[in-house]
Protein backbone atom coordinates (compact mmCIF):
# COMPACT_ATOMS: atom_id res chain seq x y z
CA GLN A 1 120.19 83.74 100.83
CA CYS A 2 120.34 87.42 101.18
CA ASP A 3 120.26 89.75 98.57
CA SER A 4 123.00 92.18 99.06
CA ALA A 5 122.19 94.96 96.42
CA SER A 6 118.28 94.97 97.71
CA GLY A 7 118.69 93.77 101.45
CA GLU A 8 116.21 91.32 101.21
CA PRO A 9 114.62 89.32 102.81
CA TYR A 10 115.78 91.68 106.28
CA ARG A 11 114.75 94.71 104.59
CA THR A 12 110.86 93.24 104.38
CA ASN A 13 111.12 91.60 107.38
CA VAL A 14 113.00 93.27 109.84
CA ASP A 15 112.97 97.06 108.50
CA GLY A 16 109.56 97.07 107.37
CA LYS A 17 108.57 95.27 110.61
CA ARG A 18 110.36 98.24 112.96
CA ASN A 19 108.53 100.71 110.38
CA LEU A 20 105.34 98.80 110.92
CA LEU A 21 105.48 98.92 114.70
CA GLU A 22 106.64 102.91 114.72
CA VAL A 23 103.32 103.62 113.04
CA CYS A 24 101.58 101.27 115.16
CA ARG A 25 102.86 103.47 118.25
CA ARG A 26 102.00 106.93 116.47
CA LEU A 27 98.23 105.65 115.95
CA ASP A 28 98.38 103.93 119.17
CA VAL A 29 97.19 100.67 118.03
CA ARG A 30 96.47 97.79 120.78
CA ALA A 31 96.63 94.57 118.82
CA PHE A 32 99.31 93.16 116.52
CA HIS A 33 98.96 89.96 114.26
CA TYR A 34 101.89 88.90 112.28
CA VAL A 35 102.97 85.90 110.34
CA SER A 36 106.02 84.45 110.65
CA THR A 37 107.27 80.93 110.07
CA ALA A 38 107.10 77.86 112.24
CA TYR A 39 110.36 77.07 110.94
CA VAL A 40 112.21 79.68 113.24
CA GLY A 41 112.41 76.98 116.11
CA CYS A 42 113.94 73.97 114.59
CA ARG A 43 117.24 73.96 115.43
CA VAL A 44 116.69 75.58 118.91
CA ASP A 45 116.84 72.14 120.78
CA PRO A 46 116.98 69.31 118.42
CA ALA A 47 117.00 66.80 121.33
CA ALA A 48 113.66 67.87 122.82
CA GLY A 49 112.03 66.83 118.98
CA ARG A 50 109.44 69.72 119.69
CA VAL A 51 109.19 73.08 118.56
CA ASN A 52 107.85 74.96 121.25
CA GLU A 53 105.16 78.12 120.99
CA VAL A 54 107.88 80.41 122.38
CA VAL A 55 110.04 83.43 121.19
CA VAL A 56 113.14 82.18 120.09
CA PRO A 57 116.25 83.77 121.63
CA ASP A 58 119.04 83.09 118.90
CA ILE A 59 118.86 84.23 115.81
CA ALA A 60 121.59 81.98 114.73
CA SER A 61 119.10 79.22 115.28
CA GLY A 62 117.38 80.21 111.65
CA GLY A 63 118.34 77.32 108.98
CA ASN A 64 118.70 80.68 105.98
CA ASP A 65 118.30 84.42 105.94
CA TYR A 66 114.64 84.13 105.57
CA GLU A 67 114.15 82.19 109.08
CA LYS A 68 116.81 84.39 110.30
CA SER A 69 114.99 87.45 109.40
CA LYS A 70 111.75 86.02 110.72
CA ILE A 71 113.63 85.63 114.26
CA GLU A 72 114.83 88.90 114.46
CA ALA A 73 111.38 90.21 113.68
CA GLU A 74 109.80 88.13 115.72
CA GLN A 75 111.92 89.08 118.69
CA LEU A 76 111.39 93.24 117.75
CA ILE A 77 107.62 92.38 118.11
CA ALA A 78 108.11 90.65 121.44
CA ARG A 79 110.08 93.99 122.92
CA CYS A 80 107.74 96.14 121.43
CA PRO A 81 106.24 98.11 124.95
CA TYR A 82 103.59 99.91 123.59
CA ILE A 83 101.05 97.18 122.09
CA GLY A 84 99.50 94.99 125.05
CA ASP A 85 98.00 92.21 122.46
CA LYS A 86 100.76 90.38 120.05
CA THR A 87 99.84 87.60 117.90
CA ILE A 88 102.43 85.37 116.14
CA HIS A 89 100.82 83.17 113.68
CA ARG A 90 103.61 80.45 112.52
CA PRO A 91 102.61 78.59 109.61
CA SER A 92 104.67 75.40 108.59
CA ILE A 93 105.05 75.02 104.52
CA ILE A 94 101.98 76.64 102.95
CA VAL A 95 100.82 75.26 99.68
CA GLY A 96 97.79 75.77 97.60
CA ASP A 97 94.19 75.82 98.66
CA SER A 98 92.83 72.06 99.38
CA GLN A 99 89.97 72.11 97.01
CA SER A 100 91.06 74.38 94.19
CA SER A 101 94.61 73.70 94.51
CA PHE A 102 95.00 77.50 93.58
CA THR A 103 97.94 79.59 94.66
CA SER A 104 99.96 82.84 93.63
CA THR A 105 103.27 81.59 94.72
CA TYR A 106 105.61 78.70 94.02
CA HIS A 107 108.19 78.03 96.72
CA GLY A 108 108.91 74.83 99.41
CA PHE A 109 106.89 72.04 97.67
CA TYR A 110 107.13 73.70 94.27
CA ALA A 111 110.35 74.25 94.03
CA PRO A 112 112.06 70.65 93.14
CA LEU A 113 108.44 70.21 91.01
CA GLN A 114 109.50 73.13 89.15
CA ILE A 115 112.57 72.34 88.07
CA GLY A 116 112.11 68.72 87.72
CA TYR A 117 109.75 69.80 85.56
CA GLN A 118 112.13 71.70 83.29
CA LEU A 119 114.65 69.13 83.13
CA ALA A 120 111.87 67.08 81.81
CA LYS A 121 110.72 69.25 79.19
CA HIS A 122 114.54 69.33 77.59
CA ASN A 123 115.62 65.90 78.69
CA GLY A 124 112.52 63.22 78.99
CA PHE A 125 111.72 61.85 82.10
CA SER A 126 112.40 58.19 81.83
CA ALA A 127 112.58 55.78 84.94
CA GLU A 128 116.46 56.28 85.54
CA ALA A 129 115.81 60.12 85.32
CA GLY A 130 113.35 59.78 87.53
CA GLN A 131 115.64 57.61 89.81
CA TRP A 132 118.26 60.11 89.62
CA PHE A 133 115.66 62.87 90.26
CA ARG A 134 114.70 61.62 93.78
CA HIS A 135 118.85 61.20 94.66
CA GLN A 136 118.97 64.98 94.38
CA LEU A 137 116.35 66.17 96.09
CA GLY A 138 118.63 64.48 99.42
CA LEU A 139 115.42 63.23 101.12
CA GLN A 140 115.22 60.08 103.14
CA PRO A 141 112.14 57.84 103.20
CA GLU A 142 111.67 58.10 106.83
CA ASP A 143 111.74 61.52 106.81
CA SER A 144 108.37 63.96 107.02
CA LYS A 145 107.22 67.34 105.81
CA ASN A 146 104.91 69.65 107.60
CA ILE A 147 102.75 70.60 104.80
CA VAL A 148 99.46 73.06 105.29
CA PRO A 149 97.09 74.20 102.88
CA VAL A 150 96.78 77.99 102.46
CA ASP A 151 92.98 77.89 102.63
CA TRP A 152 93.16 76.41 106.06
CA VAL A 153 95.65 78.34 107.41
CA ALA A 154 94.34 81.86 106.06
CA GLU A 155 90.82 80.57 107.85
CA ALA A 156 92.59 80.17 111.26
CA ILE A 157 94.25 83.39 111.37
CA VAL A 158 91.20 85.13 110.66
CA ARG A 159 88.80 83.54 112.98
CA THR A 160 92.14 84.26 115.88
CA MET A 161 91.88 87.99 115.03
CA ASN A 162 88.22 87.96 115.11
CA MET A 163 88.05 86.53 118.44
CA ASN A 164 87.91 88.62 121.72
CA SER A 165 91.62 88.80 123.25
CA SER A 166 90.02 87.56 126.64
CA SER A 167 89.05 84.06 124.90
CA CYS A 168 92.79 83.53 123.69
CA ALA A 169 95.69 82.54 125.76
CA PRO A 170 97.24 85.88 127.38
CA ALA A 171 99.37 88.17 125.76
CA THR A 172 101.16 90.68 127.16
CA SER A 173 103.58 93.84 126.22
CA VAL A 174 106.46 91.68 127.13
CA ARG A 175 104.79 88.11 126.02
CA PRO A 176 103.52 87.44 122.75
CA ARG A 177 100.96 84.76 122.11
CA ILE A 178 102.37 82.54 119.74
CA LEU A 179 100.44 80.52 117.15
CA HIS A 180 101.56 77.19 115.04
CA TRP A 181 99.59 76.26 112.44
CA THR A 182 100.77 73.12 111.60
CA ASN A 183 99.91 69.60 110.16
CA PRO A 184 99.18 66.85 113.20
CA HIS A 185 100.16 64.58 110.50
CA PRO A 186 103.37 65.34 108.76
CA VAL A 187 103.41 64.31 104.41
CA PRO A 188 106.35 61.21 104.47
CA CYS A 189 109.02 61.80 101.97
CA GLU A 190 108.48 58.74 100.58
CA LEU A 191 105.08 60.18 99.18
CA LEU A 192 106.30 63.85 98.71
CA GLN A 193 108.88 62.23 96.43
CA GLU A 194 106.45 59.98 94.49
CA SER A 195 104.00 62.54 93.82
CA ILE A 196 106.50 64.62 92.70
CA THR A 197 107.88 62.47 89.77
CA THR A 198 104.78 61.03 89.25
CA ALA A 199 103.08 64.36 88.46
CA ILE A 200 106.32 65.37 86.21
CA GLU A 201 105.69 62.10 84.61
CA HIS A 202 101.86 62.54 84.13
CA SER A 203 103.07 65.84 82.33
CA SER A 204 105.50 64.82 79.98
CA SER A 205 104.66 63.67 76.43
CA ASP A 206 105.07 59.93 75.98
CA LYS A 207 106.21 60.39 72.68
CA GLN A 208 108.61 62.85 74.10
CA SER A 209 110.03 60.49 76.46
CA ALA A 210 109.99 57.72 74.05
CA GLN A 211 112.25 59.67 71.30
CA ALA A 212 114.30 61.29 74.07
CA ALA A 213 115.04 57.61 75.34
CA GLN A 214 115.87 56.25 71.97
CA THR A 215 118.51 59.05 71.06
CA ARG A 216 120.70 58.42 74.35
CA ASP A 217 123.08 55.61 74.71
CA ASN A 218 123.74 55.16 78.22
CA PRO A 219 120.99 56.58 81.28
CA SER A 220 123.97 59.11 82.58
CA ASP A 221 123.34 61.28 79.44
CA GLU A 222 119.55 61.88 80.66
CA ILE A 223 120.75 64.08 83.39
CA PRO A 224 123.46 66.44 81.99
CA LEU A 225 121.98 69.61 84.06
CA SER A 226 122.69 67.99 87.70
CA GLY A 227 125.30 70.68 88.40
CA ASP A 228 122.28 73.10 87.62
CA PHE A 229 119.62 71.34 89.75
CA ARG A 230 121.79 71.39 92.39
CA GLU A 231 122.62 74.91 92.19
CA GLN A 232 119.27 75.90 92.04
CA MET A 233 117.68 73.50 94.68
CA ARG A 234 120.93 75.03 97.34
CA VAL A 235 118.33 77.86 98.27
CA TYR A 236 115.82 75.29 99.43
CA GLU A 237 118.01 73.06 101.15
CA SER A 238 117.17 73.91 104.58
CA TYR A 239 113.42 73.25 103.62
CA PHE A 240 114.13 69.62 102.65
CA ARG A 241 115.53 68.75 105.98
CA SER A 242 113.38 66.49 108.18
CA ASP A 243 110.89 68.46 109.79
CA PRO A 244 110.39 68.03 113.60
CA ALA A 245 107.16 67.81 115.73
CA PHE A 246 105.49 71.25 116.36
CA ASP A 247 103.75 71.88 119.60
CA ASP A 248 100.32 73.25 118.58
CA CYS A 249 98.42 72.83 122.05
CA GLN A 250 97.67 77.04 121.98
CA SER A 251 96.21 77.08 117.88
CA ARG A 252 94.35 73.84 118.78
CA VAL A 253 92.35 75.15 121.85
CA LEU A 254 91.30 78.45 119.65
CA VAL A 255 89.61 76.85 116.58
CA PRO A 256 89.05 72.81 117.99
CA ASP A 257 86.33 72.79 115.19
CA LEU A 258 88.68 73.86 112.36
CA PRO A 259 91.41 70.08 111.86
CA CYS A 260 93.72 70.53 109.24
CA PRO A 261 92.74 69.14 106.11
CA VAL A 262 94.84 65.74 104.96
CA VAL A 263 97.55 65.90 102.73
CA ASP A 264 97.54 62.86 100.77
CA ARG A 265 98.78 61.61 97.54
CA ALA A 266 95.14 63.03 95.87
CA MET A 267 95.85 66.39 97.21
CA LEU A 268 99.65 66.48 96.23
CA LEU A 269 98.83 65.39 92.78
CA ARG A 270 96.37 68.10 92.39
CA LEU A 271 98.49 70.64 93.72
CA ALA A 272 101.27 69.45 91.36
CA LYS A 273 98.84 69.43 88.16
CA PHE A 274 97.93 72.61 88.85
CA ALA A 275 101.48 74.35 89.18
CA ILE A 276 102.39 72.78 86.04
CA GLU A 277 98.77 73.96 83.95
CA GLN A 278 99.69 77.25 85.52
CA ASN A 279 103.68 77.16 84.27
CA PHE A 280 103.99 78.15 87.82
CA GLY A 281 102.82 81.64 87.55
CA TRP A 282 104.88 82.37 84.41
CA PRO A 283 104.65 84.55 82.30
CA LYS A 284 103.25 87.21 84.58
CA PRO A 285 99.88 88.39 83.52
CA LEU A 286 100.17 91.87 82.40
CA PRO A 287 98.93 94.26 84.38
CA LYS A 288 95.41 95.85 83.74
CA ALA A 289 95.48 99.67 82.08
CA LEU A 290 94.77 101.65 84.94
CA PRO A 291 91.32 103.39 84.53
CA HIS A 292 90.71 106.99 84.00
CA GLN A 293 94.65 108.00 82.40
CA SER A 294 93.35 110.91 80.19
CA LEU A 295 91.56 112.39 83.05
CA VAL A 296 94.71 112.09 85.44
CA ALA A 297 96.97 113.56 82.21
CA THR A 298 94.73 116.57 82.13
CA LEU A 299 94.89 116.82 85.91
CA ARG A 300 98.74 116.98 85.77
CA HIS A 301 98.48 119.49 82.22
CA PHE A 302 96.93 122.26 83.87
CA PRO A 303 98.54 126.07 83.01
CA LEU A 304 101.68 126.21 86.04
CA SER A 305 100.82 129.24 88.42
CA SER A 306 102.88 132.41 87.28
CA GLY A 307 101.83 134.51 90.11
CA PRO A 308 99.76 134.70 93.79
CA CYS A 309 96.39 132.92 93.98
CA GLU A 310 93.27 134.06 95.82
CA ARG A 311 92.31 130.68 96.94
CA GLN A 312 93.65 127.10 96.60
CA LEU A 313 91.93 123.71 96.14
CA VAL A 314 94.36 120.82 97.11
CA LEU A 315 92.97 117.33 95.68
CA ARG A 316 93.91 114.17 97.04
CA LEU A 317 92.39 111.45 94.93
CA LEU A 318 92.15 107.93 95.96
CA GLY A 319 91.96 104.30 94.05
CA PRO A 320 93.88 102.67 90.93
CA GLY A 321 95.27 105.05 88.67
CA ALA A 322 95.17 108.21 90.86
CA PRO A 323 97.77 110.61 90.66
CA GLU A 324 99.92 112.45 93.61
CA THR A 325 98.25 114.84 95.74
CA LEU A 326 97.62 118.38 93.58
CA ALA A 327 97.03 121.96 94.02
CA TYR A 328 95.57 124.51 91.92
CA GLY A 329 94.98 127.99 92.59
CA ARG A 330 92.55 130.03 91.48
CA HIS A 331 93.04 133.92 90.16
CA ASN A 332 90.51 136.17 88.18
CA GLN A 333 88.14 133.15 87.68
CA SER A 334 91.09 130.92 86.09
CA TRP A 335 92.75 127.85 87.76
CA CYS A 336 96.45 126.89 87.40
CA LEU A 337 98.25 124.32 89.20
CA VAL A 338 100.33 125.28 91.85
CA PRO A 339 104.05 123.49 91.97
CA ALA A 340 104.50 121.85 95.93
CA ALA A 341 107.46 124.79 96.38
CA ALA A 342 105.45 127.72 95.62
CA ASN A 343 102.20 126.42 97.70
CA SER A 344 102.24 129.39 100.35
CA LEU A 345 99.09 129.93 100.85
CA PRO A 346 97.55 129.71 104.08
CA ILE A 347 95.23 127.31 105.58
CA SER A 348 92.39 129.46 106.03
CA ALA A 349 92.48 130.34 102.32
CA SER A 350 93.02 126.73 101.17
CA GLY A 351 90.31 124.01 100.62
CA THR A 352 90.58 120.08 100.22
CA LEU A 353 88.87 117.92 98.54
CA THR A 354 89.79 113.72 99.06
CA ALA A 355 87.80 111.96 96.36
CA PRO A 356 88.27 108.63 94.84
CA LEU A 357 89.14 109.16 90.93
CA SER A 358 86.45 107.28 89.80
CA LEU A 359 84.33 109.61 91.89
CA LEU A 360 85.50 112.86 89.93
CA ALA A 361 85.02 110.95 86.47
CA ASP A 362 81.51 110.55 88.06
CA CYS A 363 81.06 113.99 88.37
CA LEU A 364 82.47 114.98 85.27
CA SER A 365 80.09 112.65 83.12
CA GLY A 366 77.02 113.77 85.19
CA LYS A 367 76.40 110.54 87.04
CA THR A 368 76.56 112.46 90.00
CA ASN A 369 77.95 115.83 92.13
CA LEU A 370 80.04 116.65 94.73
CA PRO A 371 77.24 117.96 96.86
CA LEU A 372 75.65 114.27 96.64
CA ALA A 373 78.67 112.49 97.29
CA ILE A 374 79.02 114.31 100.55
CA GLU A 375 75.68 113.84 101.99
CA GLN A 376 76.39 110.17 100.84
CA GLY A 377 80.04 110.02 102.25
CA TYR A 378 81.79 109.45 99.10
CA CYS A 379 84.04 112.32 99.52
CA ILE A 380 85.41 114.83 102.24
CA MET A 381 85.87 118.70 102.19
CA GLU A 382 88.31 120.06 104.98
CA GLY A 383 89.83 123.32 105.54
CA LEU A 384 87.86 126.35 104.43
CA PRO A 385 84.37 126.38 105.93
CA SER A 386 81.97 123.79 103.92
CA HIS A 387 79.87 126.21 101.77
CA GLU A 388 83.03 128.00 100.93
CA CYS A 389 84.71 124.90 100.18
CA LEU A 390 82.03 123.22 98.14
CA ALA A 391 81.66 126.03 96.27
CA LEU A 392 85.54 126.40 95.08
CA ALA A 393 85.53 122.55 94.61
CA GLU A 394 82.33 123.37 92.34
CA HIS A 395 83.91 125.67 90.42
CA TRP A 396 87.03 124.04 90.07
CA VAL A 397 85.21 120.88 88.09
CA HIS A 398 83.64 122.82 86.33
CA SER A 399 86.31 124.51 84.70
CA LEU A 400 87.98 121.11 84.62
CA HIS A 401 84.72 119.74 82.90
CA THR A 402 85.15 122.86 80.07
CA SER A 403 88.57 121.92 79.35
CA LEU A 404 87.81 118.72 78.58
CA CYS A 405 85.00 119.25 76.18
């Protein structure tokens, strides 16, 4: 569902793609890979019973705003005239790693699992509750879902990207190459339901379930959150329709030795167990402290420039914790911070140092020095002649070191 406040998912999937294509135009990028979803074509021709590897002509074919935004993004890419080699990757429902079960996102398969798990924590999960839960999912036993492990999808896409374009099906400026990364053996919904409910049952405390059952007068009391469940599941309704067959002729030709792993009961239970043990990624881990923040604070708190400067050093630091681009002016052997609005020195009087923040820290601690870092290619000097620029930067580093001591 579209978020009117943030404009998502259209802001990312459509506006973001439009901006990215413009960057490609400016940089003369000739090859472009885009990850979409196999579900963009599910409503195009249900009578055909198969989703083909072609661009969907009608945005309204999408089952929800996410799918519609992906269709619009695909159309933008297909119409892009200045990129000749365009590939659109369409995976089906992605779950965690087929071996480790690791995942960092919990959508699709994980949505009913998470909601059911929360219900079980608060209300127990008896046989009657499990039966009610399966009914709320709205899946028919004869239906099936197309589920693929993330490691297989990633390997397939990376292999395709590393191939010479001549070995792939042809793509042109008006016709992108479309590849379905889907499972030739969809998971029966009966198995999906059984795996989800089994995982919830196993995760629930037997003692808690017994106590919860004893305190209820009738089975209907076990499911007071049915309205909440339906409300939370509404956004996923389109995911839980029965999947059509997906044409994967082009993708199979490219990686014939990379079959999709079989998604069976054992794998589904492992995936569910991992998600429950990780509490579905909540709470989010606290961000690690950014490195060298005392150094960054010092860089930002040089005295401000109060007059014209003889020379200027523009500092572009890179990496975690790096500050915005800063400019320093030298006057009478002293250095000051030049506000962006006051930056009026000609380029001929300015030097630019581009380097990782960690490298600057190493220079200050004596682990390395600027001449060696430049020789090894770890930093770049621009603007003034190289010897003048290096002398300017070394003088500034010495001044910074003095202020820190």
